[in-house]
Amino acid sequence: MVYASLLFMTISSDTQSTPGYSAEGSTAAILKRLRRVEGQVRGIAGMVEDERYCIDVLQQISAAQAALDKVALALVDDHTRHCVMGAAPENQEEMRAELMVALGRLVGRR
């Protein structure tokens, strides 16, 4: 599923845990958006099965991509606020660099 690759749960091991997506109050909103995108993609599949006009299908694909872009921006915002800015000062540069690599991949796919 789409949201499985975007969201990471916190994994506990003894007393330490790895960072995960857990911005307070945001998880539900992100999941709601992703479920909406999932529905859009299912609708697009139905359009293809029904042999709908290609331009209509392409328009719906564009709308689904735009919705995913909004999810990505929300994740970037949350990550910047909670993980980068909230990191210990000695870790902020590493967190910033990690974010820039992720943004490069996100923008580079276009």
N, C-alpha and C. Protein backbone atom coordinates (compact mmCIF):
# COMPACT_ATOMS: atom_id res chain seq x y z
N MET A 1 0.82 -1.19 0.00
CA MET A 1 0.00 0.00 0.00
C MET A 1 0.87 1.25 0.00
N VAL A 2 0.29 2.32 -0.50
CA VAL A 2 1.03 3.57 -0.62
C VAL A 2 1.50 4.07 0.73
N TYR A 3 0.61 4.09 1.71
CA TYR A 3 0.97 4.68 2.99
C TYR A 3 1.98 3.84 3.76
N ALA A 4 2.11 2.58 3.43
CA ALA A 4 3.08 1.73 4.12
C ALA A 4 4.50 2.20 3.84
N SER A 5 4.75 2.72 2.63
CA SER A 5 6.10 3.17 2.32
C SER A 5 6.38 4.56 2.84
N LEU A 6 5.36 5.31 3.23
CA LEU A 6 5.56 6.68 3.69
C LEU A 6 5.64 6.80 5.20
N LEU A 7 4.97 5.93 5.89
CA LEU A 7 4.92 6.05 7.34
C LEU A 7 5.78 4.99 7.98
N PHE A 8 6.50 5.38 9.02
CA PHE A 8 7.35 4.44 9.73
C PHE A 8 6.96 4.45 11.19
N MET A 9 6.69 3.30 11.70
CA MET A 9 6.31 3.19 13.11
C MET A 9 7.57 3.16 13.96
N THR A 10 7.46 3.62 15.17
CA THR A 10 8.59 3.58 16.08
C THR A 10 8.83 2.13 16.50
N ILE A 11 10.08 1.71 16.39
CA ILE A 11 10.46 0.34 16.73
C ILE A 11 11.21 0.37 18.04
N SER A 12 10.71 -0.36 19.03
CA SER A 12 11.35 -0.37 20.34
C SER A 12 12.31 -1.54 20.45
N SER A 13 13.45 -1.25 21.07
CA SER A 13 14.39 -2.32 21.40
C SER A 13 15.01 -1.96 22.73
N ASP A 14 14.73 -2.77 23.71
CA ASP A 14 15.16 -2.51 25.08
C ASP A 14 14.69 -1.11 25.51
N THR A 15 15.63 -0.19 25.73
CA THR A 15 15.23 1.13 26.19
C THR A 15 15.35 2.19 25.10
N GLN A 16 15.84 1.81 23.90
CA GLN A 16 16.01 2.78 22.83
C GLN A 16 15.00 2.49 21.73
N SER A 17 14.73 3.53 20.94
CA SER A 17 13.87 3.36 19.78
C SER A 17 14.42 4.16 18.62
N THR A 18 14.12 3.69 17.41
CA THR A 18 14.55 4.41 16.23
C THR A 18 13.51 5.47 15.92
N PRO A 19 13.93 6.57 15.27
CA PRO A 19 12.96 7.62 14.97
C PRO A 19 11.89 7.11 14.02
N GLY A 20 10.71 7.63 14.17
CA GLY A 20 9.61 7.25 13.30
C GLY A 20 8.70 8.42 13.07
N TYR A 21 7.72 8.21 12.25
CA TYR A 21 6.76 9.27 11.98
C TYR A 21 5.76 9.29 13.11
N SER A 22 5.81 10.32 13.92
CA SER A 22 4.91 10.37 15.07
C SER A 22 4.56 11.79 15.46
N ALA A 23 4.54 12.73 14.51
CA ALA A 23 4.18 14.10 14.85
C ALA A 23 2.78 14.10 15.44
N GLU A 24 2.68 14.65 16.62
CA GLU A 24 1.43 14.61 17.37
C GLU A 24 0.27 15.19 16.57
N GLY A 25 -0.79 14.42 16.44
CA GLY A 25 -1.99 14.89 15.77
C GLY A 25 -1.93 14.80 14.26
N SER A 26 -0.79 14.52 13.69
CA SER A 26 -0.66 14.51 12.23
C SER A 26 -0.90 13.15 11.61
N THR A 27 -0.67 12.10 12.34
CA THR A 27 -0.79 10.76 11.78
C THR A 27 -2.18 10.52 11.21
N ALA A 28 -3.21 10.88 11.94
CA ALA A 28 -4.58 10.66 11.46
C ALA A 28 -4.86 11.46 10.20
N ALA A 29 -4.39 12.69 10.15
CA ALA A 29 -4.61 13.52 8.96
C ALA A 29 -3.87 12.97 7.75
N ILE A 30 -2.64 12.51 7.97
CA ILE A 30 -1.86 11.93 6.87
C ILE A 30 -2.53 10.66 6.37
N LEU A 31 -2.94 9.81 7.28
CA LEU A 31 -3.61 8.56 6.88
C LEU A 31 -4.91 8.84 6.15
N LYS A 32 -5.65 9.84 6.57
CA LYS A 32 -6.90 10.20 5.90
C LYS A 32 -6.63 10.62 4.47
N ARG A 33 -5.60 11.45 4.26
CA ARG A 33 -5.24 11.88 2.91
C ARG A 33 -4.80 10.69 2.07
N LEU A 34 -3.99 9.81 2.66
CA LEU A 34 -3.51 8.65 1.90
C LEU A 34 -4.64 7.71 1.53
N ARG A 35 -5.59 7.55 2.39
CA ARG A 35 -6.74 6.69 2.07
C ARG A 35 -7.57 7.31 0.95
N ARG A 36 -7.64 8.63 0.94
CA ARG A 36 -8.34 9.31 -0.14
C ARG A 36 -7.60 9.08 -1.47
N VAL A 37 -6.28 9.17 -1.45
CA VAL A 37 -5.48 8.91 -2.65
C VAL A 37 -5.67 7.46 -3.09
N GLU A 38 -5.67 6.56 -2.12
CA GLU A 38 -5.88 5.14 -2.44
C GLU A 38 -7.21 4.95 -3.17
N GLY A 39 -8.24 5.64 -2.71
CA GLY A 39 -9.54 5.58 -3.39
C GLY A 39 -9.48 6.16 -4.79
N GLN A 40 -8.72 7.25 -4.95
CA GLN A 40 -8.55 7.83 -6.28
C GLN A 40 -7.89 6.83 -7.22
N VAL A 41 -6.86 6.15 -6.74
CA VAL A 41 -6.14 5.19 -7.58
C VAL A 41 -7.05 4.02 -7.95
N ARG A 42 -7.84 3.57 -7.02
CA ARG A 42 -8.81 2.50 -7.34
C ARG A 42 -9.81 2.98 -8.39
N GLY A 43 -10.23 4.24 -8.27
CA GLY A 43 -11.13 4.81 -9.26
C GLY A 43 -10.48 4.87 -10.64
N ILE A 44 -9.20 5.20 -10.68
CA ILE A 44 -8.48 5.24 -11.95
C ILE A 44 -8.41 3.84 -12.55
N ALA A 45 -8.15 2.84 -11.71
CA ALA A 45 -8.12 1.46 -12.21
C ALA A 45 -9.48 1.08 -12.80
N GLY A 46 -10.53 1.50 -12.14
CA GLY A 46 -11.87 1.25 -12.67
C GLY A 46 -12.11 1.94 -14.01
N MET A 47 -11.58 3.14 -14.13
CA MET A 47 -11.72 3.86 -15.40
C MET A 47 -11.01 3.10 -16.52
N VAL A 48 -9.83 2.56 -16.22
CA VAL A 48 -9.09 1.80 -17.23
C VAL A 48 -9.86 0.53 -17.59
N GLU A 49 -10.37 -0.15 -16.57
CA GLU A 49 -11.16 -1.37 -16.83
C GLU A 49 -12.38 -1.06 -17.69
N ASP A 50 -12.99 0.11 -17.47
CA ASP A 50 -14.18 0.51 -18.23
C ASP A 50 -13.83 1.14 -19.58
N GLU A 51 -12.52 1.17 -19.88
CA GLU A 51 -12.02 1.74 -21.13
C GLU A 51 -12.50 3.16 -21.35
N ARG A 52 -12.37 3.96 -20.28
CA ARG A 52 -12.75 5.38 -20.36
C ARG A 52 -11.77 6.14 -21.23
N TYR A 53 -12.16 7.32 -21.64
CA TYR A 53 -11.37 8.18 -22.50
C TYR A 53 -10.01 8.46 -21.85
N CYS A 54 -8.94 8.27 -22.62
CA CYS A 54 -7.56 8.36 -22.09
C CYS A 54 -7.28 9.69 -21.40
N ILE A 55 -7.76 10.78 -21.97
CA ILE A 55 -7.51 12.10 -21.39
C ILE A 55 -8.16 12.20 -20.01
N ASP A 56 -9.32 11.62 -19.84
CA ASP A 56 -9.98 11.62 -18.53
C ASP A 56 -9.16 10.84 -17.51
N VAL A 57 -8.60 9.70 -17.93
CA VAL A 57 -7.76 8.89 -17.05
C VAL A 57 -6.51 9.67 -16.67
N LEU A 58 -5.88 10.30 -17.65
CA LEU A 58 -4.68 11.09 -17.37
C LEU A 58 -4.98 12.24 -16.42
N GLN A 59 -6.13 12.86 -16.56
CA GLN A 59 -6.51 13.95 -15.65
C GLN A 59 -6.64 13.43 -14.22
N GLN A 60 -7.21 12.25 -14.05
CA GLN A 60 -7.34 11.68 -12.72
C GLN A 60 -5.99 11.25 -12.14
N ILE A 61 -5.09 10.77 -12.99
CA ILE A 61 -3.74 10.44 -12.54
C ILE A 61 -3.05 11.70 -12.04
N SER A 62 -3.20 12.78 -12.77
CA SER A 62 -2.61 14.06 -12.35
C SER A 62 -3.16 14.50 -11.00
N ALA A 63 -4.45 14.33 -10.80
CA ALA A 63 -5.07 14.71 -9.53
C ALA A 63 -4.53 13.84 -8.38
N ALA A 64 -4.35 12.55 -8.63
CA ALA A 64 -3.81 11.65 -7.60
C ALA A 64 -2.36 12.03 -7.27
N GLN A 65 -1.57 12.36 -8.28
CA GLN A 65 -0.19 12.79 -8.04
C GLN A 65 -0.15 14.08 -7.23
N ALA A 66 -1.04 15.01 -7.54
CA ALA A 66 -1.09 16.26 -6.79
C ALA A 66 -1.47 16.00 -5.33
N ALA A 67 -2.37 15.06 -5.10
CA ALA A 67 -2.76 14.72 -3.73
C ALA A 67 -1.59 14.10 -2.98
N LEU A 68 -0.82 13.24 -3.64
CA LEU A 68 0.37 12.65 -3.01
C LEU A 68 1.42 13.72 -2.72
N ASP A 69 1.54 14.69 -3.62
CA ASP A 69 2.47 15.80 -3.38
C ASP A 69 2.09 16.56 -2.11
N LYS A 70 0.79 16.75 -1.89
CA LYS A 70 0.35 17.44 -0.68
C LYS A 70 0.68 16.63 0.57
N VAL A 71 0.56 15.32 0.47
CA VAL A 71 0.94 14.46 1.59
C VAL A 71 2.44 14.60 1.86
N ALA A 72 3.23 14.57 0.79
CA ALA A 72 4.68 14.70 0.94
C ALA A 72 5.04 16.03 1.59
N LEU A 73 4.40 17.11 1.18
CA LEU A 73 4.68 18.41 1.79
C LEU A 73 4.30 18.44 3.27
N ALA A 74 3.21 17.80 3.62
CA ALA A 74 2.82 17.73 5.03
C ALA A 74 3.87 16.95 5.83
N LEU A 75 4.38 15.87 5.25
CA LEU A 75 5.42 15.09 5.92
C LEU A 75 6.70 15.89 6.06
N VAL A 76 7.07 16.64 5.02
CA VAL A 76 8.27 17.48 5.09
C VAL A 76 8.11 18.52 6.18
N ASP A 77 6.95 19.15 6.24
CA ASP A 77 6.70 20.15 7.27
C ASP A 77 6.81 19.55 8.67
N ASP A 78 6.16 18.42 8.88
CA ASP A 78 6.23 17.76 10.18
C ASP A 78 7.65 17.35 10.53
N HIS A 79 8.36 16.79 9.54
CA HIS A 79 9.73 16.34 9.80
C HIS A 79 10.62 17.53 10.15
N THR A 80 10.46 18.61 9.43
CA THR A 80 11.27 19.80 9.69
C THR A 80 11.00 20.34 11.09
N ARG A 81 9.74 20.45 11.44
CA ARG A 81 9.37 21.00 12.75
C ARG A 81 9.77 20.10 13.91
N HIS A 82 9.53 18.80 13.76
CA HIS A 82 9.69 17.89 14.90
C HIS A 82 11.04 17.18 14.94
N CYS A 83 11.56 16.85 13.79
CA CYS A 83 12.80 16.05 13.77
C CYS A 83 14.04 16.91 13.57
N VAL A 84 13.97 17.85 12.64
CA VAL A 84 15.15 18.67 12.37
C VAL A 84 15.29 19.75 13.43
N MET A 85 14.26 20.57 13.58
CA MET A 85 14.34 21.66 14.55
C MET A 85 14.32 21.17 15.99
N GLY A 86 13.71 20.00 16.20
CA GLY A 86 13.64 19.44 17.54
C GLY A 86 14.84 18.60 17.93
N ALA A 87 15.76 18.41 16.98
CA ALA A 87 16.94 17.60 17.26
C ALA A 87 17.91 18.37 18.15
N ALA A 88 18.73 17.62 18.84
CA ALA A 88 19.79 18.24 19.63
C ALA A 88 20.67 19.05 18.68
N PRO A 89 21.17 20.20 19.13
CA PRO A 89 21.97 21.05 18.24
C PRO A 89 23.09 20.32 17.50
N GLU A 90 23.73 19.37 18.16
CA GLU A 90 24.82 18.65 17.50
C GLU A 90 24.33 17.69 16.42
N ASN A 91 23.03 17.41 16.37
CA ASN A 91 22.46 16.49 15.37
C ASN A 91 21.71 17.22 14.26
N GLN A 92 21.49 18.51 14.39
CA GLN A 92 20.67 19.23 13.43
C GLN A 92 21.25 19.21 12.02
N GLU A 93 22.56 19.35 11.88
CA GLU A 93 23.16 19.34 10.54
C GLU A 93 22.96 17.99 9.86
N GLU A 94 23.12 16.92 10.61
CA GLU A 94 22.89 15.58 10.06
C GLU A 94 21.44 15.42 9.63
N MET A 95 20.53 15.90 10.46
CA MET A 95 19.10 15.81 10.14
C MET A 95 18.76 16.66 8.91
N ARG A 96 19.37 17.85 8.81
CA ARG A 96 19.14 18.71 7.66
C ARG A 96 19.64 18.04 6.39
N ALA A 97 20.82 17.44 6.45
CA ALA A 97 21.39 16.76 5.29
C ALA A 97 20.51 15.59 4.85
N GLU A 98 20.01 14.84 5.82
CA GLU A 98 19.11 13.72 5.51
C GLU A 98 17.85 14.21 4.81
N LEU A 99 17.31 15.33 5.29
CA LEU A 99 16.11 15.92 4.69
C LEU A 99 16.39 16.35 3.25
N MET A 100 17.55 16.96 3.02
CA MET A 100 17.89 17.43 1.68
C MET A 100 18.02 16.26 0.70
N VAL A 101 18.56 15.14 1.14
CA VAL A 101 18.65 13.96 0.28
C VAL A 101 17.25 13.47 -0.07
N ALA A 102 16.37 13.41 0.93
CA ALA A 102 14.99 12.97 0.68
C ALA A 102 14.27 13.93 -0.27
N LEU A 103 14.47 15.22 -0.08
CA LEU A 103 13.84 16.20 -0.97
C LEU A 103 14.40 16.09 -2.38
N GLY A 104 15.69 15.82 -2.50
CA GLY A 104 16.29 15.62 -3.81
C GLY A 104 15.66 14.46 -4.55
N ARG A 105 15.41 13.36 -3.84
CA ARG A 105 14.73 12.21 -4.46
C ARG A 105 13.31 12.57 -4.85
N LEU A 106 12.62 13.29 -3.99
CA LEU A 106 11.22 13.67 -4.25
C LEU A 106 11.13 14.58 -5.47
N VAL A 107 11.98 15.56 -5.55
CA VAL A 107 11.96 16.50 -6.67
C VAL A 107 12.54 15.86 -7.93
N GLY A 108 13.54 15.01 -7.76
CA GLY A 108 14.19 14.38 -8.89
C GLY A 108 13.32 13.43 -9.67
N ARG A 109 12.26 12.95 -9.09
CA ARG A 109 11.39 12.01 -9.79
C ARG A 109 10.54 12.68 -10.85
N ARG A 110 10.56 13.97 -10.88
CA ARG A 110 9.74 14.72 -11.86
C ARG A 110 10.42 14.80 -13.16
